[in-house]
Amino acid sequence: MSRVPDPQRYRLTLTFDGRPVMRGWWPDEAVARGQHTRWVGDWGRPGARVVLVDEESGSVLTTWPDDA
């Protein structure tokens, strides 16, 4: 029996100067990563931060800008 994907497993959050301004959720990691890239292209500027989180595991999958 196949498992139904959680439609809100992968959460993407855009913040400006520490304030959340947009969020989105996707059931598929590849789609969510594509959206991450798109959001960075559309909204990436000084003061912005885009974070992709796996809600099931609680782990941060990727951020922009990089935390390093």
N, C-alpha and C. Protein backbone atom coordinates (compact mmCIF):
# COMPACT_ATOMS: atom_id res chain seq x y z
N MET A 1 0.84 -1.17 0.00
CA MET A 1 0.00 0.00 0.00
C MET A 1 0.90 1.25 0.00
N SER A 2 0.68 2.14 -0.96
CA SER A 2 1.52 3.33 -1.02
C SER A 2 0.99 4.41 -0.08
N ARG A 3 1.90 5.16 0.43
CA ARG A 3 1.58 6.22 1.38
C ARG A 3 1.22 7.50 0.63
N VAL A 4 0.19 8.16 1.07
CA VAL A 4 -0.22 9.42 0.46
C VAL A 4 0.72 10.51 0.97
N PRO A 5 1.33 11.29 0.05
CA PRO A 5 2.25 12.33 0.52
C PRO A 5 1.52 13.41 1.30
N ASP A 6 2.20 13.92 2.32
CA ASP A 6 1.66 15.01 3.12
C ASP A 6 1.73 16.28 2.28
N PRO A 7 0.61 16.93 1.98
CA PRO A 7 0.63 18.12 1.12
C PRO A 7 1.35 19.31 1.74
N GLN A 8 1.66 19.24 3.03
CA GLN A 8 2.34 20.34 3.68
C GLN A 8 3.68 19.91 4.28
N ARG A 9 4.32 18.91 3.66
CA ARG A 9 5.57 18.40 4.23
C ARG A 9 6.72 19.40 4.08
N TYR A 10 6.85 20.02 2.93
CA TYR A 10 7.99 20.91 2.67
C TYR A 10 7.52 22.36 2.70
N ARG A 11 8.03 23.10 3.70
CA ARG A 11 7.60 24.48 3.91
C ARG A 11 8.70 25.43 3.48
N LEU A 12 8.31 26.42 2.70
CA LEU A 12 9.20 27.46 2.25
C LEU A 12 8.76 28.77 2.89
N THR A 13 9.70 29.50 3.47
CA THR A 13 9.39 30.76 4.13
C THR A 13 10.30 31.85 3.60
N LEU A 14 9.71 32.97 3.25
CA LEU A 14 10.44 34.17 2.83
C LEU A 14 10.29 35.20 3.92
N THR A 15 11.41 35.72 4.39
CA THR A 15 11.37 36.80 5.38
C THR A 15 12.15 38.00 4.85
N PHE A 16 11.74 39.18 5.27
CA PHE A 16 12.48 40.42 5.01
C PHE A 16 12.75 41.06 6.36
N ASP A 17 14.03 41.32 6.60
CA ASP A 17 14.44 41.92 7.87
C ASP A 17 13.86 41.18 9.07
N GLY A 18 13.83 39.84 8.98
CA GLY A 18 13.37 39.00 10.09
C GLY A 18 11.87 38.81 10.20
N ARG A 19 11.10 39.44 9.33
CA ARG A 19 9.64 39.31 9.39
C ARG A 19 9.14 38.41 8.27
N PRO A 20 8.35 37.39 8.60
CA PRO A 20 7.81 36.52 7.55
C PRO A 20 6.82 37.30 6.67
N VAL A 21 7.02 37.17 5.35
CA VAL A 21 6.12 37.85 4.42
C VAL A 21 5.43 36.90 3.46
N MET A 22 5.95 35.67 3.33
CA MET A 22 5.31 34.71 2.45
C MET A 22 5.71 33.30 2.87
N ARG A 23 4.74 32.37 2.77
CA ARG A 23 4.99 30.96 3.07
C ARG A 23 4.28 30.11 2.02
N GLY A 24 4.84 28.94 1.78
CA GLY A 24 4.21 27.99 0.89
C GLY A 24 4.57 26.58 1.31
N TRP A 25 3.70 25.63 0.97
CA TRP A 25 3.92 24.23 1.33
C TRP A 25 3.74 23.36 0.10
N TRP A 26 4.56 22.30 -0.02
CA TRP A 26 4.48 21.36 -1.12
C TRP A 26 4.67 19.94 -0.62
N PRO A 27 4.04 18.96 -1.29
CA PRO A 27 4.19 17.57 -0.88
C PRO A 27 5.45 16.91 -1.43
N ASP A 28 6.08 17.53 -2.43
CA ASP A 28 7.20 16.92 -3.14
C ASP A 28 8.47 17.77 -2.94
N GLU A 29 9.55 17.14 -2.51
CA GLU A 29 10.78 17.89 -2.23
C GLU A 29 11.35 18.55 -3.48
N ALA A 30 11.34 17.85 -4.61
CA ALA A 30 11.90 18.42 -5.84
C ALA A 30 11.15 19.68 -6.26
N VAL A 31 9.84 19.67 -6.13
CA VAL A 31 9.03 20.84 -6.47
C VAL A 31 9.34 21.98 -5.49
N ALA A 32 9.43 21.66 -4.22
CA ALA A 32 9.73 22.67 -3.20
C ALA A 32 11.11 23.29 -3.44
N ARG A 33 12.09 22.48 -3.81
CA ARG A 33 13.43 23.01 -4.11
C ARG A 33 13.39 23.92 -5.34
N GLY A 34 12.58 23.56 -6.32
CA GLY A 34 12.42 24.41 -7.49
C GLY A 34 11.80 25.75 -7.12
N GLN A 35 10.83 25.71 -6.22
CA GLN A 35 10.21 26.95 -5.75
C GLN A 35 11.21 27.79 -4.97
N HIS A 36 12.07 27.13 -4.18
CA HIS A 36 13.11 27.85 -3.44
C HIS A 36 13.96 28.65 -4.41
N THR A 37 14.41 28.01 -5.47
CA THR A 37 15.22 28.69 -6.48
C THR A 37 14.46 29.85 -7.12
N ARG A 38 13.21 29.61 -7.41
CA ARG A 38 12.38 30.66 -8.02
C ARG A 38 12.20 31.85 -7.07
N TRP A 39 11.92 31.56 -5.81
CA TRP A 39 11.73 32.65 -4.83
C TRP A 39 13.01 33.46 -4.68
N VAL A 40 14.17 32.79 -4.67
CA VAL A 40 15.43 33.52 -4.57
C VAL A 40 15.59 34.43 -5.79
N GLY A 41 15.27 33.90 -6.97
CA GLY A 41 15.35 34.71 -8.18
C GLY A 41 14.39 35.89 -8.17
N ASP A 42 13.19 35.69 -7.64
CA ASP A 42 12.17 36.74 -7.62
C ASP A 42 12.35 37.73 -6.47
N TRP A 43 12.78 37.24 -5.31
CA TRP A 43 12.76 38.06 -4.09
C TRP A 43 14.12 38.24 -3.44
N GLY A 44 15.14 37.57 -3.95
CA GLY A 44 16.46 37.64 -3.32
C GLY A 44 17.10 39.01 -3.44
N ARG A 45 17.18 39.69 -2.34
CA ARG A 45 17.82 41.01 -2.26
C ARG A 45 18.25 41.22 -0.82
N PRO A 46 19.05 42.25 -0.56
CA PRO A 46 19.50 42.47 0.82
C PRO A 46 18.31 42.53 1.79
N GLY A 47 18.46 41.83 2.89
CA GLY A 47 17.42 41.79 3.91
C GLY A 47 16.48 40.60 3.76
N ALA A 48 16.55 39.90 2.62
CA ALA A 48 15.67 38.75 2.38
C ALA A 48 16.35 37.47 2.84
N ARG A 49 15.52 36.50 3.20
CA ARG A 49 15.99 35.16 3.57
C ARG A 49 14.91 34.18 3.13
N VAL A 50 15.35 33.10 2.45
CA VAL A 50 14.44 32.05 1.98
C VAL A 50 14.91 30.74 2.60
N VAL A 51 14.00 30.05 3.29
CA VAL A 51 14.34 28.81 4.01
C VAL A 51 13.38 27.70 3.62
N LEU A 52 13.94 26.53 3.29
CA LEU A 52 13.15 25.34 2.99
C LEU A 52 13.33 24.34 4.12
N VAL A 53 12.20 23.92 4.71
CA VAL A 53 12.21 23.01 5.86
C VAL A 53 11.39 21.76 5.55
N ASP A 54 11.89 20.60 5.96
CA ASP A 54 11.13 19.36 5.92
C ASP A 54 10.35 19.30 7.22
N GLU A 55 9.06 19.52 7.14
CA GLU A 55 8.22 19.57 8.35
C GLU A 55 8.16 18.22 9.06
N GLU A 56 8.30 17.12 8.32
CA GLU A 56 8.24 15.79 8.94
C GLU A 56 9.42 15.55 9.87
N SER A 57 10.62 15.89 9.40
CA SER A 57 11.82 15.66 10.21
C SER A 57 12.23 16.89 11.02
N GLY A 58 11.72 18.06 10.62
CA GLY A 58 12.09 19.30 11.29
C GLY A 58 13.42 19.86 10.83
N SER A 59 14.02 19.27 9.79
CA SER A 59 15.34 19.71 9.34
C SER A 59 15.25 20.80 8.27
N VAL A 60 16.21 21.72 8.35
CA VAL A 60 16.34 22.76 7.33
C VAL A 60 17.09 22.13 6.15
N LEU A 61 16.48 22.17 4.98
CA LEU A 61 17.07 21.56 3.80
C LEU A 61 17.99 22.51 3.04
N THR A 62 17.60 23.77 2.96
CA THR A 62 18.43 24.76 2.30
C THR A 62 17.98 26.17 2.69
N THR A 63 18.94 27.09 2.63
CA THR A 63 18.64 28.49 2.94
C THR A 63 19.31 29.39 1.91
N TRP A 64 18.75 30.56 1.77
CA TRP A 64 19.41 31.62 0.99
C TRP A 64 19.26 32.90 1.77
N PRO A 65 20.27 33.67 1.96
CA PRO A 65 21.65 33.30 1.61
C PRO A 65 22.14 32.16 2.50
N ASP A 66 23.21 31.54 2.06
CA ASP A 66 23.80 30.44 2.84
C ASP A 66 24.15 30.90 4.24
N ASP A 67 23.97 30.01 5.21
CA ASP A 67 24.30 30.34 6.60
C ASP A 67 25.81 30.40 6.83
N ALA A 68 26.56 29.81 5.91
CA ALA A 68 28.02 29.71 6.11
C ALA A 68 28.73 31.03 6.14
